[in-house]
PDB file of N, CA and C in Angstrom:
ATOM      1  N   MET A   1     -24.824  50.852  13.745  1.00  0.00           N
ATOM      2  CA  MET A   1     -24.344  49.826  13.495  1.00  0.00           C
ATOM      3  C   MET A   1     -25.041  48.399  13.614  1.00  0.00           C
ATOM      4  N   PHE A   2     -25.188  48.664  14.952  1.00  0.00           N
ATOM      5  CA  PHE A   2     -26.803  47.111  15.168  1.00  0.00           C
ATOM      6  C   PHE A   2     -28.154  47.560  15.538  1.00  0.00           C
ATOM      7  N   GLY A   3     -28.131  49.084  15.420  1.00  0.00           N
ATOM      8  CA  GLY A   3     -29.417  49.335  15.234  1.00  0.00           C
ATOM      9  C   GLY A   3     -30.549  49.883  16.412  1.00  0.00           C
ATOM     10  N   GLY A   4     -29.504  50.499  17.564  1.00  0.00           N
ATOM     11  CA  GLY A   4     -29.864  50.669  18.482  1.00  0.00           C
ATOM     12  C   GLY A   4     -28.854  51.876  19.038  1.00  0.00           C
ATOM     13  N   ILE A   5     -29.004  52.290  20.397  1.00  0.00           N
ATOM     14  CA  ILE A   5     -28.117  53.212  20.799  1.00  0.00           C
ATOM     15  C   ILE A   5     -27.224  52.934  21.879  1.00  0.00           C
ATOM     16  N   GLY A   6     -26.011  53.223  21.553  1.00  0.00           N
ATOM     17  CA  GLY A   6     -25.097  52.921  22.561  1.00  0.00           C
ATOM     18  C   GLY A   6     -24.472  53.948  23.491  1.00  0.00           C
ATOM     19  N   PHE A   7     -23.490  53.320  24.582  1.00  0.00           N
ATOM     20  CA  PHE A   7     -23.293  54.214  25.887  1.00  0.00           C
ATOM     21  C   PHE A   7     -21.871  54.001  25.451  1.00  0.00           C
ATOM     22  N   GLY A   8     -20.972  54.828  25.561  1.00  0.00           N
ATOM     23  CA  GLY A   8     -19.688  54.852  25.719  1.00  0.00           C
ATOM     24  C   GLY A   8     -18.772  55.352  27.088  1.00  0.00           C
ATOM     25  N   ILE A   9     -17.631  55.277  27.018  1.00  0.00           N
ATOM     26  CA  ILE A   9     -16.620  55.427  28.094  1.00  0.00           C
ATOM     27  C   ILE A   9     -15.490  55.413  27.235  1.00  0.00           C
ATOM     28  N   ASP A  10     -14.666  57.181  27.085  1.00  0.00           N
ATOM     29  CA  ASP A  10     -13.397  57.334  26.705  1.00  0.00           C
ATOM     30  C   ASP A  10     -13.125  56.490  25.392  1.00  0.00           C
ATOM     31  N   GLY A  11     -14.362  56.909  24.478  1.00  0.00           N
ATOM     32  CA  GLY A  11     -14.312  56.633  22.973  1.00  0.00           C
ATOM     33  C   GLY A  11     -14.157  55.173  23.044  1.00  0.00           C
ATOM     34  N   HIS A  12     -14.621  54.128  24.161  1.00  0.00           N
ATOM     35  CA  HIS A  12     -14.685  52.995  23.864  1.00  0.00           C
ATOM     36  C   HIS A  12     -16.785  52.705  24.170  1.00  0.00           C
ATOM     37  N   MET A  13     -17.444  51.658  23.243  1.00  0.00           N
ATOM     38  CA  MET A  13     -18.532  51.772  23.602  1.00  0.00           C
ATOM     39  C   MET A  13     -18.617  51.047  24.635  1.00  0.00           C
ATOM     40  N   ALA A  14     -19.141  50.654  25.884  1.00  0.00           N
ATOM     41  CA  ALA A  14     -19.358  50.073  27.079  1.00  0.00           C
ATOM     42  C   ALA A  14     -20.741  48.922  26.868  1.00  0.00           C
ATOM     43  N   MET A  15     -22.014  49.644  26.333  1.00  0.00           N
ATOM     44  CA  MET A  15     -23.213  48.779  26.584  1.00  0.00           C
ATOM     45  C   MET A  15     -23.673  49.247  25.418  1.00  0.00           C
ATOM     46  N   GLY A  16     -25.395  48.968  25.122  1.00  0.00           N
ATOM     47  CA  GLY A  16     -26.117  49.158  23.925  1.00  0.00           C
ATOM     48  C   GLY A  16     -27.495  48.687  24.031  1.00  0.00           C
ATOM     49  N   VAL A  17     -28.530  49.262  23.904  1.00  0.00           N
ATOM     50  CA  VAL A  17     -29.789  48.556  23.651  1.00  0.00           C
ATOM     51  C   VAL A  17     -30.140  48.634  22.593  1.00  0.00           C
ATOM     52  N   GLY A  18     -30.407  47.079  21.927  1.00  0.00           N
ATOM     53  CA  GLY A  18     -30.202  46.931  20.976  1.00  0.00           C
ATOM     54  C   GLY A  18     -31.642  46.870  20.407  1.00  0.00           C
ATOM     55  N   GLY A  19     -31.591  47.455  19.238  1.00  0.00           N
ATOM     56  CA  GLY A  19     -32.917  47.555  18.182  1.00  0.00           C
ATOM     57  C   GLY A  19     -33.828  46.741  18.325  1.00  0.00           C
ATOM     58  N   GLU A  20     -33.750  44.920  18.743  1.00  0.00           N
ATOM     59  CA  GLU A  20     -34.578  43.846  18.317  1.00  0.00           C
ATOM     60  C   GLU A  20     -34.719  43.479  20.403  1.00  0.00           C
ATOM     61  N   GLY A  21     -34.384  45.045  21.330  1.00  0.00           N
ATOM     62  CA  GLY A  21     -34.926  44.496  22.704  1.00  0.00           C
ATOM     63  C   GLY A  21     -33.853  44.055  23.372  1.00  0.00           C
ATOM     64  N   GLY A  22     -34.100  44.325  24.841  1.00  0.00           N
ATOM     65  CA  GLY A  22     -32.301  43.856  25.476  1.00  0.00           C
ATOM     66  C   GLY A  22     -31.481  44.618  25.265  1.00  0.00           C
ATOM     67  N   MET A  23     -30.059  43.945  25.783  1.00  0.00           N
ATOM     68  CA  MET A  23     -28.695  44.815  25.941  1.00  0.00           C
ATOM     69  C   MET A  23     -27.935  44.629  25.194  1.00  0.00           C
ATOM     70  N   LEU A  24     -26.727  45.318  24.940  1.00  0.00           N
ATOM     71  CA  LEU A  24     -25.503  44.510  24.575  1.00  0.00           C
ATOM     72  C   LEU A  24     -24.462  44.953  25.561  1.00  0.00           C
ATOM     73  N   ILE A  25     -23.870  44.296  25.551  1.00  0.00           N
ATOM     74  CA  ILE A  25     -22.802  44.221  26.677  1.00  0.00           C
ATOM     75  C   ILE A  25     -21.736  44.113  26.013  1.00  0.00           C
ATOM     76  N   HIS A  26     -20.545  44.996  26.854  1.00  0.00           N
ATOM     77  CA  HIS A  26     -19.181  44.680  26.101  1.00  0.00           C
ATOM     78  C   HIS A  26     -18.244  43.997  27.474  1.00  0.00           C
ATOM     79  N   CYS A  27     -17.941  42.852  27.138  1.00  0.00           N
ATOM     80  CA  CYS A  27     -16.741  42.234  28.562  1.00  0.00           C
ATOM     81  C   CYS A  27     -15.786  41.855  27.434  1.00  0.00           C
ATOM     82  N   SER A  28     -14.605  41.243  28.086  1.00  0.00           N
ATOM     83  CA  SER A  28     -13.704  40.615  28.037  1.00  0.00           C
ATOM     84  C   SER A  28     -13.951  39.564  27.216  1.00  0.00           C
ATOM     85  N   ARG A  29     -12.955  38.929  26.104  1.00  0.00           N
ATOM     86  CA  ARG A  29     -13.446  38.025  25.416  1.00  0.00           C
ATOM     87  C   ARG A  29     -12.615  36.746  26.036  1.00  0.00           C
ATOM     88  N   GLN A  30     -11.572  37.094  27.407  1.00  0.00           N
ATOM     89  CA  GLN A  30     -11.610  35.553  27.957  1.00  0.00           C
ATOM     90  C   GLN A  30     -12.953  35.696  29.127  1.00  0.00           C
ATOM     91  N   GLU A  31     -13.805  36.185  29.178  1.00  0.00           N
ATOM     92  CA  GLU A  31     -15.007  36.335  30.348  1.00  0.00           C
ATOM     93  C   GLU A  31     -16.025  35.760  30.020  1.00  0.00           C
ATOM     94  N   THR A  32     -16.653  35.635  28.468  1.00  0.00           N
ATOM     95  CA  THR A  32     -17.399  35.592  27.422  1.00  0.00           C
ATOM     96  C   THR A  32     -17.844  34.539  27.541  1.00  0.00           C
ATOM     97  N   GLU A  33     -17.475  32.984  27.789  1.00  0.00           N
ATOM     98  CA  GLU A  33     -17.747  31.996  28.354  1.00  0.00           C
ATOM     99  C   GLU A  33     -18.894  32.130  29.307  1.00  0.00           C
ATOM    100  N   ALA A  34     -18.116  32.256  30.700  1.00  0.00           N
ATOM    101  CA  ALA A  34     -18.606  32.570  32.069  1.00  0.00           C
ATOM    102  C   ALA A  34     -20.204  33.398  31.683  1.00  0.00           C
ATOM    103  N   PHE A  35     -20.299  34.462  31.087  1.00  0.00           N
ATOM    104  CA  PHE A  35     -20.985  35.468  31.028  1.00  0.00           C
ATOM    105  C   PHE A  35     -22.521  34.836  30.191  1.00  0.00           C
ATOM    106  N   LEU A  36     -21.791  33.550  29.126  1.00  0.00           N
ATOM    107  CA  LEU A  36     -23.090  32.951  28.365  1.00  0.00           C
ATOM    108  C   LEU A  36     -23.828  32.219  29.455  1.00  0.00           C
ATOM    109  N   ALA A  37     -23.356  31.494  30.346  1.00  0.00           N
ATOM    110  CA  ALA A  37     -23.540  30.440  31.410  1.00  0.00           C
ATOM    111  C   ALA A  37     -24.822  31.577  32.075  1.00  0.00           C
ATOM    112  N   LYS A  38     -25.108  32.769  32.100  1.00  0.00           N
ATOM    113  CA  LYS A  38     -26.040  33.371  32.870  1.00  0.00           C
ATOM    114  C   LYS A  38     -27.351  33.461  32.155  1.00  0.00           C
ATOM    115  N   ARG A  39     -28.350  33.355  32.953  1.00  0.00           N
ATOM    116  CA  ARG A  39     -29.613  33.665  32.385  1.00  0.00           C
ATOM    117  C   ARG A  39     -29.828  35.072  31.150  1.00  0.00           C
ATOM    118  N   GLY A  40     -30.239  34.232  30.271  1.00  0.00           N
ATOM    119  CA  GLY A  40     -30.670  35.349  29.306  1.00  0.00           C
ATOM    120  C   GLY A  40     -29.331  36.118  28.247  1.00  0.00           C
ATOM    121  N   ALA A  41     -28.064  35.493  28.524  1.00  0.00           N
ATOM    122  CA  ALA A  41     -27.312  36.046  27.703  1.00  0.00           C
ATOM    123  C   ALA A  41     -26.933  34.952  26.628  1.00  0.00           C
ATOM    124  N   ARG A  42     -26.745  35.314  25.359  1.00  0.00           N
ATOM    125  CA  ARG A  42     -26.312  34.843  24.741  1.00  0.00           C
ATOM    126  C   ARG A  42     -25.133  35.761  23.560  1.00  0.00           C
ATOM    127  N   PRO A  43     -24.721  34.884  22.154  1.00  0.00           N
ATOM    128  CA  PRO A  43     -23.438  35.943  21.904  1.00  0.00           C
ATOM    129  C   PRO A  43     -24.415  37.037  20.733  1.00  0.00           C
ATOM    130  N   PHE A  44     -23.597  37.951  20.994  1.00  0.00           N
ATOM    131  CA  PHE A  44     -24.012  38.884  19.810  1.00  0.00           C
ATOM    132  C   PHE A  44     -23.800  38.881  18.621  1.00  0.00           C
ATOM    133  N   GLU A  45     -24.171  38.332  17.457  1.00  0.00           N
ATOM    134  CA  GLU A  45     -24.251  38.598  15.771  1.00  0.00           C
ATOM    135  C   GLU A  45     -24.530  39.598  15.367  1.00  0.00           C
ATOM    136  N   LEU A  46     -23.650  40.085  14.075  1.00  0.00           N
ATOM    137  CA  LEU A  46     -23.704  41.002  14.006  1.00  0.00           C
ATOM    138  C   LEU A  46     -23.141  40.821  12.003  1.00  0.00           C
ATOM    139  N   ARG A  47     -24.533  41.194  11.066  1.00  0.00           N
ATOM    140  CA  ARG A  47     -24.052  40.397  10.238  1.00  0.00           C
ATOM    141  C   ARG A  47     -23.698  38.894   9.803  1.00  0.00           C
ATOM    142  N   GLY A  48     -24.665  38.014  10.673  1.00  0.00           N
ATOM    143  CA  GLY A  48     -24.199  36.794  10.571  1.00  0.00           C
ATOM    144  C   GLY A  48     -23.303  36.100  10.941  1.00  0.00           C
ATOM    145  N   GLY A  49     -22.210  36.971  11.945  1.00  0.00           N
ATOM    146  CA  GLY A  49     -21.068  36.407  12.599  1.00  0.00           C
ATOM    147  C   GLY A  49     -20.936  36.570  13.895  1.00  0.00           C
ATOM    148  N   GLU A  50     -20.373  36.017  14.670  1.00  0.00           N
ATOM    149  CA  GLU A  50     -20.473  36.125  16.324  1.00  0.00           C
ATOM    150  C   GLU A  50     -19.614  37.177  16.717  1.00  0.00           C
ATOM    151  N   MET A  51     -19.717  38.510  17.321  1.00  0.00           N
ATOM    152  CA  MET A  51     -18.564  39.348  17.518  1.00  0.00           C
ATOM    153  C   MET A  51     -18.073  38.495  19.552  1.00  0.00           C
ATOM    154  N   LYS A  52     -16.801  38.208  19.256  1.00  0.00           N
ATOM    155  CA  LYS A  52     -16.327  37.937  20.321  1.00  0.00           C
ATOM    156  C   LYS A  52     -16.541  39.147  21.615  1.00  0.00           C
ATOM    157  N   GLY A  53     -16.518  39.379  22.959  1.00  0.00           N
ATOM    158  CA  GLY A  53     -16.473  40.366  23.572  1.00  0.00           C
ATOM    159  C   GLY A  53     -17.639  41.316  23.804  1.00  0.00           C
ATOM    160  N   TRP A  54     -18.505  40.508  23.049  1.00  0.00           N
ATOM    161  CA  TRP A  54     -20.281  41.313  22.913  1.00  0.00           C
ATOM    162  C   TRP A  54     -21.176  40.350  23.366  1.00  0.00           C
ATOM    163  N   LEU A  55     -22.192  40.379  24.387  1.00  0.00           N
ATOM    164  CA  LEU A  55     -23.183  39.784  24.398  1.00  0.00           C
ATOM    165  C   LEU A  55     -24.545  40.508  24.243  1.00  0.00           C
ATOM    166  N   ARG A  56     -25.457  39.764  23.877  1.00  0.00           N
ATOM    167  CA  ARG A  56     -26.697  40.234  24.022  1.00  0.00           C
ATOM    168  C   ARG A  56     -27.768  39.338  24.843  1.00  0.00           C
ATOM    169  N   VAL A  57     -28.458  40.598  25.880  1.00  0.00           N
ATOM    170  CA  VAL A  57     -28.927  40.135  27.046  1.00  0.00           C
ATOM    171  C   VAL A  57     -30.244  40.119  27.272  1.00  0.00           C
ATOM    172  N   ASP A  58     -31.734  39.023  26.831  1.00  0.00           N
ATOM    173  CA  ASP A  58     -32.365  39.503  26.516  1.00  0.00           C
ATOM    174  C   ASP A  58     -33.263  40.409  27.773  1.00  0.00           C
ATOM    175  N   ALA A  59     -34.354  41.077  27.380  1.00  0.00           N
ATOM    176  CA  ALA A  59     -35.006  42.055  28.252  1.00  0.00           C
ATOM    177  C   ALA A  59     -35.459  41.803  29.058  1.00  0.00           C
ATOM    178  N   GLU A  60     -35.994  40.753  29.166  1.00  0.00           N
ATOM    179  CA  GLU A  60     -36.734  39.958  30.763  1.00  0.00           C
ATOM    180  C   GLU A  60     -35.375  39.747  31.304  1.00  0.00           C
ATOM    181  N   SER A  61     -34.434  39.355  31.457  1.00  0.00           N
ATOM    182  CA  SER A  61     -33.019  39.235  32.088  1.00  0.00           C
ATOM    183  C   SER A  61     -32.516  40.717  32.727  1.00  0.00           C
ATOM    184  N   VAL A  62     -33.068  41.623  31.739  1.00  0.00           N
ATOM    185  CA  VAL A  62     -32.641  43.109  32.952  1.00  0.00           C
ATOM    186  C   VAL A  62     -34.132  43.562  32.802  1.00  0.00           C
ATOM    187  N   SER A  63     -34.930  42.935  33.375  1.00  0.00           N
ATOM    188  CA  SER A  63     -36.373  43.987  33.627  1.00  0.00           C
ATOM    189  C   SER A  63     -36.673  44.985  34.798  1.00  0.00           C
ATOM    190  N   THR A  64     -35.773  44.371  36.059  1.00  0.00           N
ATOM    191  CA  THR A  64     -35.474  45.107  37.428  1.00  0.00           C
ATOM    192  C   THR A  64     -33.913  45.514  37.243  1.00  0.00           C
ATOM    193  N   LYS A  65     -34.046  46.453  37.828  1.00  0.00           N
ATOM    194  CA  LYS A  65     -32.973  47.386  38.540  1.00  0.00           C
ATOM    195  C   LYS A  65     -31.572  46.059  39.063  1.00  0.00           C
ATOM    196  N   ARG A  66     -32.543  45.327  40.268  1.00  0.00           N
ATOM    197  CA  ARG A  66     -31.788  44.207  40.158  1.00  0.00           C
ATOM    198  C   ARG A  66     -30.827  43.424  39.681  1.00  0.00           C
ATOM    199  N   ALA A  67     -31.707  43.125  38.332  1.00  0.00           N
ATOM    200  CA  ALA A  67     -31.372  42.422  37.428  1.00  0.00           C
ATOM    201  C   ALA A  67     -29.892  42.763  36.727  1.00  0.00           C
ATOM    202  N   LEU A  68     -30.545  44.435  36.366  1.00  0.00           N
ATOM    203  CA  LEU A  68     -29.665  45.229  35.535  1.00  0.00           C
ATOM    204  C   LEU A  68     -28.100  45.571  35.902  1.00  0.00           C
ATOM    205  N   GLU A  69     -28.704  46.017  36.910  1.00  0.00           N
ATOM    206  CA  GLU A  69     -27.121  46.467  38.097  1.00  0.00           C
ATOM    207  C   GLU A  69     -26.062  45.795  37.775  1.00  0.00           C
ATOM    208  N   PRO A  70     -25.723  44.098  37.472  1.00  0.00           N
ATOM    209  CA  PRO A  70     -24.272  43.612  37.570  1.00  0.00           C
ATOM    210  C   PRO A  70     -23.918  44.071  36.384  1.00  0.00           C
ATOM    211  N   TRP A  71     -24.743  43.841  35.116  1.00  0.00           N
ATOM    212  CA  TRP A  71     -24.568  44.013  33.689  1.00  0.00           C
ATOM    213  C   TRP A  71     -23.972  45.378  33.620  1.00  0.00           C
ATOM    214  N   VAL A  72     -24.642  46.120  33.946  1.00  0.00           N
ATOM    215  CA  VAL A  72     -24.290  47.729  33.857  1.00  0.00           C
ATOM    216  C   VAL A  72     -23.044  47.889  34.224  1.00  0.00           C
ATOM    217  N   THR A  73     -22.637  47.222  35.416  1.00  0.00           N
ATOM    218  CA  THR A  73     -21.194  47.653  36.530  1.00  0.00           C
ATOM    219  C   THR A  73     -20.339  46.677  35.874  1.00  0.00           C
ATOM    220  N   GLN A  74     -20.533  45.168  35.079  1.00  0.00           N
ATOM    221  CA  GLN A  74     -19.482  44.500  34.519  1.00  0.00           C
ATOM    222  C   GLN A  74     -19.018  45.457  32.909  1.00  0.00           C
ATOM    223  N   SER A  75     -19.913  46.013  32.138  1.00  0.00           N
ATOM    224  CA  SER A  75     -19.943  46.829  31.572  1.00  0.00           C
ATOM    225  C   SER A  75     -18.550  47.860  31.372  1.00  0.00           C
ATOM    226  N   VAL A  76     -19.284  48.867  32.322  1.00  0.00           N
ATOM    227  CA  VAL A  76     -18.503  49.808  32.334  1.00  0.00           C
ATOM    228  C   VAL A  76     -17.163  49.637  33.071  1.00  0.00           C
ATOM    229  N   SER A  77     -17.221  48.956  34.327  1.00  0.00           N
ATOM    230  CA  SER A  77     -15.913  48.907  34.312  1.00  0.00           C
ATOM    231  C   SER A  77     -14.723  48.061  33.603  1.00  0.00           C
ATOM    232  N   PHE A  78     -15.339  47.427  32.545  1.00  0.00           N
ATOM    233  CA  PHE A  78     -14.570  46.718  31.580  1.00  0.00           C
ATOM    234  C   PHE A  78     -14.057  47.995  30.682  1.00  0.00           C
ATOM    235  N   ALA A  79     -14.868  49.088  30.636  1.00  0.00           N
ATOM    236  CA  ALA A  79     -14.706  49.749  29.249  1.00  0.00           C
ATOM    237  C   ALA A  79     -13.600  50.721  30.030  1.00  0.00           C
ATOM    238  N   ARG A  80     -14.112  51.021  31.508  1.00  0.00           N
ATOM    239  CA  ARG A  80     -12.913  51.957  32.170  1.00  0.00           C
ATOM    240  C   ARG A  80     -11.659  51.103  32.201  1.00  0.00           C
ATOM    241  N   ALA A  81     -11.187  49.905  32.018  1.00  0.00           N
ATOM    242  CA  ALA A  81      -9.859  49.754  31.780  1.00  0.00           C
ATOM    243  C   ALA A  81      -9.094  49.441  30.633  1.00  0.00           C
ATOM    244  N   LEU A  82      -9.879  50.051  29.627  1.00  0.00           N
ATOM    245  CA  LEU A  82      -9.686  49.942  28.339  1.00  0.00           C
ATOM    246  C   LEU A  82      -8.709  51.481  28.296  1.00  0.00           C
ATOM    247  N   PRO A  83      -7.671  51.517  27.561  1.00  0.00           N
ATOM    248  CA  PRO A  83      -7.006  53.089  27.297  1.00  0.00           C
ATOM    249  C   PRO A  83      -8.158  53.524  26.455  1.00  0.00           C
ATOM    250  N   PRO A  84      -8.165  54.966  27.152  1.00  0.00           N
ATOM    251  CA  PRO A  84      -8.659  56.075  26.354  1.00  0.00           C
ATOM    252  C   PRO A  84      -8.610  56.187  24.679  1.00  0.00           C
ATOM    253  N   LYS A  85      -9.274  56.373  23.996  1.00  0.00           N
ATOM    254  CA  LYS A  85      -9.085  56.166  22.465  1.00  0.00           C
ATOM    255  C   LYS A  85      -8.822  57.664  22.091  1.00  0.00           C
ATOM    256  N   GLU A  86      -7.794  57.944  21.452  1.00  0.00           N
ATOM    257  CA  GLU A  86      -7.244  59.315  21.090  1.00  0.00           C
ATOM    258  C   GLU A  86      -8.260  59.942  20.471  1.00  0.00           C
ATOM    259  N   LYS A  87      -8.638  61.263  20.478  1.00  0.00           N
ATOM    260  CA  LYS A  87      -9.465  61.812  19.778  1.00  0.00           C
ATOM    261  C   LYS A  87      -8.604  62.492  18.494  1.00  0.00           C
ATOM    262  N   LYS A  88      -9.448  62.178  17.193  1.00  0.00           N
ATOM    263  CA  LYS A  88      -8.856  62.606  15.615  1.00  0.00           C
ATOM    264  C   LYS A  88      -9.479  64.187  15.571  1.00  0.00           C
TER     265      LYS A  88
END
């Protein structure tokens, strides 16, 4: 879908490693603006349209464990809070 590798929890994608570098982060639509204020974060665009609830974080902004950990923790927490998807 986005040219990278995605990591899911209970059928929901939590985060991904994008084909153009950096990370894709899943968050609530309400939290998107607050996360965009963080260094290296920008809206995630797919096929020319912005995907609400998804952010792209530049590789330089997640290049250390200390910088990466809050993004991973946030994404995992968000995905775990969603109801599990039913298997088809």
